């Protein structure tokens, strides 16, 4: 990828007053859905006082970068005790099956007597853009391929026959350097509902990139795929955004030096950058992403330029 991302600044951070009690802080995992013109409804994961996340949203004109409407009520709240999403919802992306739009998410469980874990759930996007849980059971849960924990799914259909999914899967909570191995795995489906899991898709490297999350993928009409994701090296650094390429959707090459975006010298994204969402709008390629505090400082916007940017 030749070029770099030009940061356009902080796009939205939740106000500190008069917030719904389920959306007191954070605007993590921004997910844009076009409403009309240049206005997108950007869903996000906000948190309550107990750090449990629910789905909020804000409508923003992506060209003028102006907030059109802040939605005070959550669009979907985390589940009751014992549910697979009892301790939070971290949203992934949207896709369509037989005319029905779905939104995928990671459901969190943080038991008092064990390690946190995640499963993948699915929400229906209704005609009025409200959200309804597709099923009380996980859409995808642990199995022999993914025996520990799942996270952040991304589904897309680049041809007429196959749905592709990339998602996070934990291999171990500690690889010997006080950091987990959480890889990006691949699955395929003919109907968008039943998935054939293939295992690790993006290679991980200890002390380089071993804790991945939140893939976002684009593909062109020649079958070339590009992926951006969050990652930690395992050497103590906070999240950064990484980049990989593939010619077949399943086998990827890390191109971390070609990502074209990094933390800023100061400000809201000076400590970490993570949870990217890349999308096209009117001939431009944009990236929504989070900064400091896993989305506590809000989310920003960057636009891709084919020339290098200082």
C-alpha atoms as a PDB file:
ATOM      1  CA  UNK A   1       0.000   0.000   0.000  1.00  0.00           C
ATOM      2  CA  UNK A   2       1.642   3.198  -1.152  1.00  0.00           C
ATOM      3  CA  UNK A   3       0.598   6.302   0.706  1.00  0.00           C
ATOM      4  CA  UNK A   4      -0.503   7.166   4.220  1.00  0.00           C
ATOM      5  CA  UNK A   5      -3.481   8.081   6.337  1.00  0.00           C
ATOM      6  CA  UNK A   6      -4.083  11.777   6.958  1.00  0.00           C
ATOM      7  CA  UNK A   7      -5.653  12.298  10.353  1.00  0.00           C
ATOM      8  CA  UNK A   8      -8.673  14.623  10.284  1.00  0.00           C
ATOM      9  CA  UNK A   9      -8.952  14.856  14.047  1.00  0.00           C
ATOM     10  CA  UNK A  10     -11.230  13.721  16.840  1.00  0.00           C
ATOM     11  CA  UNK A  11     -14.705  13.154  15.425  1.00  0.00           C
ATOM     12  CA  UNK A  12     -16.729  12.376  18.547  1.00  0.00           C
ATOM     13  CA  UNK A  13     -16.293  11.929  22.287  1.00  0.00           C
ATOM     14  CA  UNK A  14     -19.312  11.391  24.552  1.00  0.00           C
ATOM     15  CA  UNK A  15     -20.186  14.354  26.779  1.00  0.00           C
ATOM     16  CA  UNK A  16     -19.503  13.986  30.481  1.00  0.00           C
ATOM     17  CA  UNK A  17     -22.961  15.158  31.605  1.00  0.00           C
ATOM     18  CA  UNK A  18     -26.580  14.124  31.025  1.00  0.00           C
ATOM     19  CA  UNK A  19     -25.641  10.751  29.592  1.00  0.00           C
ATOM     20  CA  UNK A  20     -27.735   7.609  29.799  1.00  0.00           C
ATOM     21  CA  UNK A  21     -26.470   5.451  32.660  1.00  0.00           C
ATOM     22  CA  UNK A  22     -25.466   2.714  30.167  1.00  0.00           C
ATOM     23  CA  UNK A  23     -23.461   5.170  28.025  1.00  0.00           C
ATOM     24  CA  UNK A  24     -21.519   7.155  30.609  1.00  0.00           C
ATOM     25  CA  UNK A  25     -18.147   6.865  28.898  1.00  0.00           C
ATOM     26  CA  UNK A  26     -16.309   5.513  25.861  1.00  0.00           C
ATOM     27  CA  UNK A  27     -17.231   5.416  22.181  1.00  0.00           C
ATOM     28  CA  UNK A  28     -15.338   2.286  21.172  1.00  0.00           C
ATOM     29  CA  UNK A  29     -15.545   0.147  18.022  1.00  0.00           C
ATOM     30  CA  UNK A  30     -17.108   2.784  15.732  1.00  0.00           C
ATOM     31  CA  UNK A  31     -19.265   1.192  13.018  1.00  0.00           C
ATOM     32  CA  UNK A  32     -20.714   3.483  10.297  1.00  0.00           C
ATOM     33  CA  UNK A  33     -23.990   2.821   8.461  1.00  0.00           C
ATOM     34  CA  UNK A  34     -24.969   5.285   5.722  1.00  0.00           C
ATOM     35  CA  UNK A  35     -28.278   7.080   6.332  1.00  0.00           C
ATOM     36  CA  UNK A  36     -28.343   9.466   3.363  1.00  0.00           C
ATOM     37  CA  UNK A  37     -26.004  11.837   1.550  1.00  0.00           C
ATOM     38  CA  UNK A  38     -22.895  12.239   3.661  1.00  0.00           C
ATOM     39  CA  UNK A  39     -24.568  11.371   6.973  1.00  0.00           C
ATOM     40  CA  UNK A  40     -23.699   8.117   8.719  1.00  0.00           C
ATOM     41  CA  UNK A  41     -25.137   6.617  11.863  1.00  0.00           C
ATOM     42  CA  UNK A  42     -22.018   5.578  13.728  1.00  0.00           C
ATOM     43  CA  UNK A  43     -22.802   2.888  16.257  1.00  0.00           C
ATOM     44  CA  UNK A  44     -20.324   2.414  19.087  1.00  0.00           C
ATOM     45  CA  UNK A  45     -19.792   0.558  22.363  1.00  0.00           C
ATOM     46  CA  UNK A  46     -20.280   2.807  25.387  1.00  0.00           C
ATOM     47  CA  UNK A  47     -19.801   1.836  29.030  1.00  0.00           C
ATOM     48  CA  UNK A  48     -21.644   2.177  32.330  1.00  0.00           C
ATOM     49  CA  UNK A  49     -20.161   2.741  35.785  1.00  0.00           C
ATOM     50  CA  UNK A  50     -19.302  -0.991  36.024  1.00  0.00           C
ATOM     51  CA  UNK A  51     -17.459  -0.950  32.658  1.00  0.00           C
ATOM     52  CA  UNK A  52     -20.198  -3.036  31.009  1.00  0.00           C
ATOM     53  CA  UNK A  53     -20.671  -1.977  27.399  1.00  0.00           C
ATOM     54  CA  UNK A  54     -23.858  -1.380  25.411  1.00  0.00           C
ATOM     55  CA  UNK A  55     -24.490  -0.058  21.898  1.00  0.00           C
ATOM     56  CA  UNK A  56     -24.949   3.685  21.418  1.00  0.00           C
ATOM     57  CA  UNK A  57     -24.938   5.807  18.276  1.00  0.00           C
ATOM     58  CA  UNK A  58     -24.338   9.279  16.902  1.00  0.00           C
ATOM     59  CA  UNK A  59     -25.241  10.638  13.438  1.00  0.00           C
ATOM     60  CA  UNK A  60     -22.367  12.499  11.768  1.00  0.00           C
ATOM     61  CA  UNK A  61     -21.846  14.201   8.422  1.00  0.00           C
ATOM     62  CA  UNK A  62     -18.607  12.512   7.410  1.00  0.00           C
ATOM     63  CA  UNK A  63     -17.585  15.253   4.944  1.00  0.00           C
ATOM     64  CA  UNK A  64     -18.225  18.326   7.102  1.00  0.00           C
ATOM     65  CA  UNK A  65     -17.334  16.272  10.200  1.00  0.00           C
ATOM     66  CA  UNK A  66     -20.285  17.754  12.083  1.00  0.00           C
ATOM     67  CA  UNK A  67     -22.489  15.928  14.576  1.00  0.00           C
ATOM     68  CA  UNK A  68     -26.055  15.856  13.251  1.00  0.00           C
ATOM     69  CA  UNK A  69     -27.695  14.048  16.165  1.00  0.00           C
ATOM     70  CA  UNK A  70     -26.610  12.415  19.403  1.00  0.00           C
ATOM     71  CA  UNK A  71     -28.860   9.538  20.420  1.00  0.00           C
ATOM     72  CA  UNK A  72     -29.419   9.614  24.167  1.00  0.00           C
ATOM     73  CA  UNK A  73     -30.785   6.093  24.558  1.00  0.00           C
ATOM     74  CA  UNK A  74     -28.761   2.917  23.946  1.00  0.00           C
ATOM     75  CA  UNK A  75     -29.731   0.963  20.842  1.00  0.00           C
ATOM     76  CA  UNK A  76     -29.011  -2.332  22.573  1.00  0.00           C
ATOM     77  CA  UNK A  77     -27.946  -3.087  26.148  1.00  0.00           C
ATOM     78  CA  UNK A  78     -25.689  -5.825  27.473  1.00  0.00           C
ATOM     79  CA  UNK A  79     -27.487  -8.936  28.680  1.00  0.00           C
ATOM     80  CA  UNK A  80     -28.663 -10.227  32.057  1.00  0.00           C
ATOM     81  CA  UNK A  81     -26.443 -12.311  34.362  1.00  0.00           C
ATOM     82  CA  UNK A  82     -25.700 -15.693  32.858  1.00  0.00           C
ATOM     83  CA  UNK A  83     -26.078 -14.577  29.246  1.00  0.00           C
ATOM     84  CA  UNK A  84     -23.153 -14.770  26.837  1.00  0.00           C
ATOM     85  CA  UNK A  85     -23.147 -10.961  26.584  1.00  0.00           C
ATOM     86  CA  UNK A  86     -23.789 -10.251  30.277  1.00  0.00           C
ATOM     87  CA  UNK A  87     -20.726  -8.053  30.733  1.00  0.00           C
ATOM     88  CA  UNK A  88     -20.610  -6.187  27.467  1.00  0.00           C
ATOM     89  CA  UNK A  89     -21.086  -5.875  23.735  1.00  0.00           C
ATOM     90  CA  UNK A  90     -18.215  -4.907  21.401  1.00  0.00           C
ATOM     91  CA  UNK A  91     -19.522  -4.450  17.869  1.00  0.00           C
ATOM     92  CA  UNK A  92     -17.815  -5.697  14.705  1.00  0.00           C
ATOM     93  CA  UNK A  93     -19.456  -4.991  11.338  1.00  0.00           C
ATOM     94  CA  UNK A  94     -22.667  -5.422   9.317  1.00  0.00           C
ATOM     95  CA  UNK A  95     -23.583  -7.771   6.487  1.00  0.00           C
ATOM     96  CA  UNK A  96     -26.711  -8.901   4.647  1.00  0.00           C
ATOM     97  CA  UNK A  97     -28.327 -12.323   4.220  1.00  0.00           C
ATOM     98  CA  UNK A  98     -31.454 -12.675   2.043  1.00  0.00           C
ATOM     99  CA  UNK A  99     -32.331  -9.007   2.450  1.00  0.00           C
ATOM    100  CA  UNK A 100     -31.855  -8.935   6.229  1.00  0.00           C
ATOM    101  CA  UNK A 101     -29.100  -6.737   7.636  1.00  0.00           C
ATOM    102  CA  UNK A 102     -27.178  -8.105  10.604  1.00  0.00           C
ATOM    103  CA  UNK A 103     -24.646  -6.592  12.989  1.00  0.00           C
ATOM    104  CA  UNK A 104     -22.098  -8.913  14.570  1.00  0.00           C
ATOM    105  CA  UNK A 105     -20.625  -8.387  18.021  1.00  0.00           C
ATOM    106  CA  UNK A 106     -18.364  -9.853  20.664  1.00  0.00           C
ATOM    107  CA  UNK A 107     -20.270 -10.765  23.838  1.00  0.00           C
ATOM    108  CA  UNK A 108     -18.235 -10.478  27.044  1.00  0.00           C
ATOM    109  CA  UNK A 109     -18.335 -12.625  30.163  1.00  0.00           C
ATOM    110  CA  UNK A 110     -16.182 -11.734  33.186  1.00  0.00           C
ATOM    111  CA  UNK A 111     -16.865 -14.386  35.848  1.00  0.00           C
ATOM    112  CA  UNK A 112     -15.663 -13.615  39.369  1.00  0.00           C
ATOM    113  CA  UNK A 113     -13.871 -16.952  39.619  1.00  0.00           C
ATOM    114  CA  UNK A 114     -12.227 -17.127  36.185  1.00  0.00           C
ATOM    115  CA  UNK A 115     -10.712 -15.342  33.218  1.00  0.00           C
ATOM    116  CA  UNK A 116     -12.848 -13.181  30.941  1.00  0.00           C
ATOM    117  CA  UNK A 117     -13.926 -14.721  27.639  1.00  0.00           C
ATOM    118  CA  UNK A 118     -15.930 -13.843  24.568  1.00  0.00           C
ATOM    119  CA  UNK A 119     -18.392 -15.336  22.109  1.00  0.00           C
ATOM    120  CA  UNK A 120     -19.769 -13.939  18.847  1.00  0.00           C
ATOM    121  CA  UNK A 121     -23.375 -12.788  18.725  1.00  0.00           C
ATOM    122  CA  UNK A 122     -25.615 -11.323  16.032  1.00  0.00           C
ATOM    123  CA  UNK A 123     -28.122  -8.458  16.038  1.00  0.00           C
ATOM    124  CA  UNK A 124     -30.797  -7.774  13.445  1.00  0.00           C
ATOM    125  CA  UNK A 125     -30.865  -4.240  12.039  1.00  0.00           C
ATOM    126  CA  UNK A 126     -34.500  -3.266  11.670  1.00  0.00           C
ATOM    127  CA  UNK A 127     -35.998  -0.928   9.052  1.00  0.00           C
ATOM    128  CA  UNK A 128     -35.853   1.987  11.533  1.00  0.00           C
ATOM    129  CA  UNK A 129     -32.197   1.139  12.301  1.00  0.00           C
ATOM    130  CA  UNK A 130     -33.033  -0.163  15.761  1.00  0.00           C
ATOM    131  CA  UNK A 131     -31.344  -3.383  16.877  1.00  0.00           C
ATOM    132  CA  UNK A 132     -32.824  -6.709  17.995  1.00  0.00           C
ATOM    133  CA  UNK A 133     -30.951  -9.760  19.251  1.00  0.00           C
ATOM    134  CA  UNK A 134     -31.054 -12.528  16.649  1.00  0.00           C
ATOM    135  CA  UNK A 135     -30.749 -15.360  19.187  1.00  0.00           C
ATOM    136  CA  UNK A 136     -30.136 -15.699  22.929  1.00  0.00           C
ATOM    137  CA  UNK A 137     -27.482 -18.315  22.152  1.00  0.00           C
ATOM    138  CA  UNK A 138     -24.139 -17.269  20.647  1.00  0.00           C
ATOM    139  CA  UNK A 139     -23.954 -17.063  16.873  1.00  0.00           C
ATOM    140  CA  UNK A 140     -20.491 -18.634  17.159  1.00  0.00           C
ATOM    141  CA  UNK A 141     -19.000 -20.035  20.335  1.00  0.00           C
ATOM    142  CA  UNK A 142     -15.910 -21.988  21.353  1.00  0.00           C
ATOM    143  CA  UNK A 143     -15.244 -25.339  19.655  1.00  0.00           C
ATOM    144  CA  UNK A 144     -12.173 -27.523  18.918  1.00  0.00           C
ATOM    145  CA  UNK A 145     -10.837 -24.940  16.422  1.00  0.00           C
ATOM    146  CA  UNK A 146     -11.404 -22.034  18.844  1.00  0.00           C
ATOM    147  CA  UNK A 147     -11.315 -23.600  22.300  1.00  0.00           C
ATOM    148  CA  UNK A 148     -10.778 -20.575  24.572  1.00  0.00           C
ATOM    149  CA  UNK A 149     -12.370 -17.277  23.520  1.00  0.00           C
ATOM    150  CA  UNK A 150     -13.653 -15.443  20.419  1.00  0.00           C
ATOM    151  CA  UNK A 151     -13.741 -11.759  19.500  1.00  0.00           C
ATOM    152  CA  UNK A 152     -14.552  -9.020  16.972  1.00  0.00           C
ATOM    153  CA  UNK A 153     -15.930 -10.613  13.788  1.00  0.00           C
ATOM    154  CA  UNK A 154     -15.835  -9.065  10.300  1.00  0.00           C
ATOM    155  CA  UNK A 155     -17.977 -10.607   7.539  1.00  0.00           C
ATOM    156  CA  UNK A 156     -18.099  -9.682   3.870  1.00  0.00           C
ATOM    157  CA  UNK A 157     -19.200 -11.201   0.575  1.00  0.00           C
ATOM    158  CA  UNK A 158     -16.914 -10.311  -2.324  1.00  0.00           C
ATOM    159  CA  UNK A 159     -18.407 -12.722  -4.849  1.00  0.00           C
ATOM    160  CA  UNK A 160     -21.752 -14.383  -5.496  1.00  0.00           C
ATOM    161  CA  UNK A 161     -21.011 -17.639  -3.717  1.00  0.00           C
ATOM    162  CA  UNK A 162     -19.007 -17.229  -0.507  1.00  0.00           C
ATOM    163  CA  UNK A 163     -19.225 -15.237   2.695  1.00  0.00           C
ATOM    164  CA  UNK A 164     -15.864 -14.599   4.365  1.00  0.00           C
ATOM    165  CA  UNK A 165     -15.363 -14.091   8.095  1.00  0.00           C
ATOM    166  CA  UNK A 166     -12.267 -12.979   9.970  1.00  0.00           C
ATOM    167  CA  UNK A 167     -12.430 -13.022  13.758  1.00  0.00           C
ATOM    168  CA  UNK A 168     -10.248 -13.179  16.847  1.00  0.00           C
ATOM    169  CA  UNK A 169      -9.408 -16.441  18.615  1.00  0.00           C
ATOM    170  CA  UNK A 170      -7.369 -16.911  21.788  1.00  0.00           C
ATOM    171  CA  UNK A 171      -4.602 -19.516  21.683  1.00  0.00           C
ATOM    172  CA  UNK A 172      -3.243 -18.864  25.178  1.00  0.00           C
ATOM    173  CA  UNK A 173      -3.650 -16.156  27.792  1.00  0.00           C
ATOM    174  CA  UNK A 174       0.126 -15.979  28.310  1.00  0.00           C
ATOM    175  CA  UNK A 175       2.718 -16.846  25.667  1.00  0.00           C
ATOM    176  CA  UNK A 176       5.553 -16.551  28.194  1.00  0.00           C
ATOM    177  CA  UNK A 177       6.011 -12.794  27.807  1.00  0.00           C
ATOM    178  CA  UNK A 178       2.967 -11.719  29.869  1.00  0.00           C
ATOM    179  CA  UNK A 179       0.916 -11.257  26.698  1.00  0.00           C
ATOM    180  CA  UNK A 180      -1.732 -13.479  25.151  1.00  0.00           C
ATOM    181  CA  UNK A 181      -1.708 -14.986  21.690  1.00  0.00           C
ATOM    182  CA  UNK A 182      -4.957 -13.875  20.117  1.00  0.00           C
ATOM    183  CA  UNK A 183      -4.901 -14.571  16.390  1.00  0.00           C
ATOM    184  CA  UNK A 184      -7.138 -13.577  13.505  1.00  0.00           C
ATOM    185  CA  UNK A 185      -8.801 -16.724  12.191  1.00  0.00           C
ATOM    186  CA  UNK A 186     -10.844 -17.357   9.043  1.00  0.00           C
ATOM    187  CA  UNK A 187     -14.172 -19.053   8.331  1.00  0.00           C
ATOM    188  CA  UNK A 188     -16.300 -19.338   5.200  1.00  0.00           C
ATOM    189  CA  UNK A 189     -20.012 -19.830   4.598  1.00  0.00           C
ATOM    190  CA  UNK A 190     -22.329 -20.442   1.656  1.00  0.00           C
ATOM    191  CA  UNK A 191     -25.419 -19.047   3.376  1.00  0.00           C
ATOM    192  CA  UNK A 192     -24.084 -16.488   5.878  1.00  0.00           C
ATOM    193  CA  UNK A 193     -25.426 -18.523   8.790  1.00  0.00           C
ATOM    194  CA  UNK A 194     -23.384 -21.740   9.004  1.00  0.00           C
ATOM    195  CA  UNK A 195     -19.616 -21.427   9.073  1.00  0.00           C
ATOM    196  CA  UNK A 196     -16.683 -23.685   8.238  1.00  0.00           C
ATOM    197  CA  UNK A 197     -13.782 -22.627  10.448  1.00  0.00           C
ATOM    198  CA  UNK A 198     -10.314 -22.902   8.922  1.00  0.00           C
ATOM    199  CA  UNK A 199      -8.057 -21.752  11.772  1.00  0.00           C
ATOM    200  CA  UNK A 200      -5.314 -19.117  11.827  1.00  0.00           C
ATOM    201  CA  UNK A 201      -5.346 -16.813   8.796  1.00  0.00           C
ATOM    202  CA  UNK A 202      -3.093 -13.861   9.698  1.00  0.00           C
ATOM    203  CA  UNK A 203       0.338 -14.957  10.967  1.00  0.00           C
ATOM    204  CA  UNK A 204       1.311 -13.877  14.482  1.00  0.00           C
ATOM    205  CA  UNK A 205       4.872 -13.343  15.701  1.00  0.00           C
ATOM    206  CA  UNK A 206       5.936 -13.337  19.342  1.00  0.00           C
ATOM    207  CA  UNK A 207       7.290  -9.951  20.463  1.00  0.00           C
ATOM    208  CA  UNK A 208       6.218  -8.436  17.118  1.00  0.00           C
ATOM    209  CA  UNK A 209       2.472  -8.915  16.733  1.00  0.00           C
ATOM    210  CA  UNK A 210       0.698 -11.512  18.835  1.00  0.00           C
ATOM    211  CA  UNK A 211      -2.435  -9.932  20.343  1.00  0.00           C
ATOM    212  CA  UNK A 212      -4.742  -9.040  17.458  1.00  0.00           C
ATOM    213  CA  UNK A 213      -8.262  -7.645  17.508  1.00  0.00           C
ATOM    214  CA  UNK A 214     -10.927  -5.940  15.389  1.00  0.00           C
ATOM    215  CA  UNK A 215     -10.082  -6.731  11.746  1.00  0.00           C
ATOM    216  CA  UNK A 216     -11.523  -4.504   9.011  1.00  0.00           C
ATOM    217  CA  UNK A 217     -11.212  -5.694   5.389  1.00  0.00           C
ATOM    218  CA  UNK A 218     -11.696  -4.259   1.898  1.00  0.00           C
ATOM    219  CA  UNK A 219     -11.340  -6.070  -1.416  1.00  0.00           C
ATOM    220  CA  UNK A 220     -11.119  -4.908  -5.032  1.00  0.00           C
ATOM    221  CA  UNK A 221     -12.611  -6.472  -8.180  1.00  0.00           C
ATOM    222  CA  UNK A 222      -9.344  -8.318  -8.838  1.00  0.00           C
ATOM    223  CA  UNK A 223      -9.562 -10.350  -5.646  1.00  0.00           C
ATOM    224  CA  UNK A 224      -6.928  -8.417  -3.711  1.00  0.00           C
ATOM    225  CA  UNK A 225      -7.686  -8.021  -0.014  1.00  0.00           C
ATOM    226  CA  UNK A 226      -6.399  -5.467   2.497  1.00  0.00           C
ATOM    227  CA  UNK A 227      -6.846  -5.719   6.258  1.00  0.00           C
ATOM    228  CA  UNK A 228      -6.286  -3.306   9.119  1.00  0.00           C
ATOM    229  CA  UNK A 229      -6.446  -4.427  12.738  1.00  0.00           C
ATOM    230  CA  UNK A 230      -5.395  -3.646  16.288  1.00  0.00           C
ATOM    231  CA  UNK A 231      -2.371  -5.428  17.678  1.00  0.00           C
ATOM    232  CA  UNK A 232       0.069  -5.503  20.555  1.00  0.00           C
ATOM    233  CA  UNK A 233       3.629  -6.681  20.153  1.00  0.00           C
ATOM    234  CA  UNK A 234       3.990  -8.529  23.459  1.00  0.00           C
ATOM    235  CA  UNK A 235       6.827  -6.230  24.532  1.00  0.00           C
ATOM    236  CA  UNK A 236       4.673  -3.975  26.672  1.00  0.00           C
ATOM    237  CA  UNK A 237       3.439  -1.460  24.119  1.00  0.00           C
ATOM    238  CA  UNK A 238      -0.198  -0.392  23.973  1.00  0.00           C
ATOM    239  CA  UNK A 239      -2.354  -1.082  20.921  1.00  0.00           C
ATOM    240  CA  UNK A 240      -1.285   0.040  17.468  1.00  0.00           C
ATOM    241  CA  UNK A 241      -3.028  -0.359  14.113  1.00  0.00           C
ATOM    242  CA  UNK A 242      -1.493  -2.924  11.755  1.00  0.00           C
ATOM    243  CA  UNK A 243      -1.906  -3.873   8.111  1.00  0.00           C
ATOM    244  CA  UNK A 244      -1.873  -7.104   6.071  1.00  0.00           C
ATOM    245  CA  UNK A 245      -2.577  -8.150   2.465  1.00  0.00           C
ATOM    246  CA  UNK A 246      -3.894 -11.297   0.772  1.00  0.00           C
ATOM    247  CA  UNK A 247      -4.662 -12.580  -2.706  1.00  0.00           C
ATOM    248  CA  UNK A 248      -7.135 -15.241  -1.615  1.00  0.00           C
ATOM    249  CA  UNK A 249      -8.823 -14.030   1.611  1.00  0.00           C
ATOM    250  CA  UNK A 250      -7.339 -16.889   3.647  1.00  0.00           C
ATOM    251  CA  UNK A 251      -3.540 -16.478   3.600  1.00  0.00           C
ATOM    252  CA  UNK A 252      -2.211 -13.109   4.715  1.00  0.00           C
ATOM    253  CA  UNK A 253       1.140 -11.337   4.803  1.00  0.00           C
ATOM    254  CA  UNK A 254       1.891  -8.893   7.588  1.00  0.00           C
ATOM    255  CA  UNK A 255       2.916  -5.458   6.311  1.00  0.00           C
ATOM    256  CA  UNK A 256       3.204  -3.602   9.589  1.00  0.00           C
ATOM    257  CA  UNK A 257       5.644  -1.047   8.170  1.00  0.00           C
ATOM    258  CA  UNK A 258       3.141  -0.073   5.468  1.00  0.00           C
ATOM    259  CA  UNK A 259       0.175   0.780   7.694  1.00  0.00           C
ATOM    260  CA  UNK A 260       0.651   4.534   7.244  1.00  0.00           C
ATOM    261  CA  UNK A 261      -0.818   5.600  10.622  1.00  0.00           C
ATOM    262  CA  UNK A 262       0.595   5.776  14.150  1.00  0.00           C
ATOM    263  CA  UNK A 263       0.019   7.484  17.480  1.00  0.00           C
ATOM    264  CA  UNK A 264       0.172  11.286  17.566  1.00  0.00           C
ATOM    265  CA  UNK A 265       2.796  13.268  19.457  1.00  0.00           C
ATOM    266  CA  UNK A 266       0.155  14.480  21.906  1.00  0.00           C
ATOM    267  CA  UNK A 267      -3.574  14.597  22.408  1.00  0.00           C
ATOM    268  CA  UNK A 268      -6.435  12.127  22.366  1.00  0.00           C
ATOM    269  CA  UNK A 269      -4.604   9.408  20.343  1.00  0.00           C
ATOM    270  CA  UNK A 270      -1.044   9.865  21.604  1.00  0.00           C
ATOM    271  CA  UNK A 271      -0.856   6.714  23.747  1.00  0.00           C
ATOM    272  CA  UNK A 272      -2.620   4.118  21.608  1.00  0.00           C
ATOM    273  CA  UNK A 273      -4.635   3.715  18.412  1.00  0.00           C
ATOM    274  CA  UNK A 274      -6.976   0.786  17.864  1.00  0.00           C
ATOM    275  CA  UNK A 275     -10.315  -0.614  16.591  1.00  0.00           C
ATOM    276  CA  UNK A 276     -10.134   0.645  12.988  1.00  0.00           C
ATOM    277  CA  UNK A 277     -13.084   0.602  10.586  1.00  0.00           C
ATOM    278  CA  UNK A 278     -12.181   1.293   6.935  1.00  0.00           C
ATOM    279  CA  UNK A 279     -14.874   2.253   4.417  1.00  0.00           C
ATOM    280  CA  UNK A 280     -15.316   4.025   1.082  1.00  0.00           C
ATOM    281  CA  UNK A 281     -17.414   7.162   0.571  1.00  0.00           C
ATOM    282  CA  UNK A 282     -17.697   9.141  -2.665  1.00  0.00           C
ATOM    283  CA  UNK A 283     -14.348   7.987  -3.998  1.00  0.00           C
ATOM    284  CA  UNK A 284     -12.452   8.504  -0.724  1.00  0.00           C
ATOM    285  CA  UNK A 285     -11.204   5.841   1.668  1.00  0.00           C
ATOM    286  CA  UNK A 286     -11.813   6.682   5.312  1.00  0.00           C
ATOM    287  CA  UNK A 287     -10.812   5.106   8.614  1.00  0.00           C
ATOM    288  CA  UNK A 288     -12.670   5.509  11.887  1.00  0.00           C
ATOM    289  CA  UNK A 289     -10.515   4.543  14.852  1.00  0.00           C
ATOM    290  CA  UNK A 290     -10.152   4.871  18.620  1.00  0.00           C
ATOM    291  CA  UNK A 291      -7.351   6.409  20.635  1.00  0.00           C
ATOM    292  CA  UNK A 292      -6.372   6.577  24.293  1.00  0.00           C
ATOM    293  CA  UNK A 293      -8.180   4.451  26.846  1.00  0.00           C
ATOM    294  CA  UNK A 294      -9.725   1.865  24.507  1.00  0.00           C
ATOM    295  CA  UNK A 295     -12.214   4.428  23.224  1.00  0.00           C
ATOM    296  CA  UNK A 296     -12.557   6.538  26.375  1.00  0.00           C
ATOM    297  CA  UNK A 297     -11.188   9.520  24.434  1.00  0.00           C
ATOM    298  CA  UNK A 298     -13.701   8.946  21.623  1.00  0.00           C
ATOM    299  CA  UNK A 299     -13.111   8.139  17.969  1.00  0.00           C
ATOM    300  CA  UNK A 300     -11.420   9.986  15.158  1.00  0.00           C
ATOM    301  CA  UNK A 301     -11.349  10.015  11.376  1.00  0.00           C
ATOM    302  CA  UNK A 302      -8.528   9.646   8.861  1.00  0.00           C
ATOM    303  CA  UNK A 303      -8.551   9.753   5.048  1.00  0.00           C
ATOM    304  CA  UNK A 304      -6.165   7.821   2.831  1.00  0.00           C
ATOM    305  CA  UNK A 305      -3.800   9.681   0.534  1.00  0.00           C
ATOM    306  CA  UNK A 306      -1.720   8.085  -2.237  1.00  0.00           C
ATOM    307  CA  UNK A 307       1.166  10.426  -1.428  1.00  0.00           C
ATOM    308  CA  UNK A 308       3.186  10.160   1.749  1.00  0.00           C
ATOM    309  CA  UNK A 309       2.232  12.498   4.568  1.00  0.00           C
ATOM    310  CA  UNK A 310       4.664  14.035   7.035  1.00  0.00           C
END
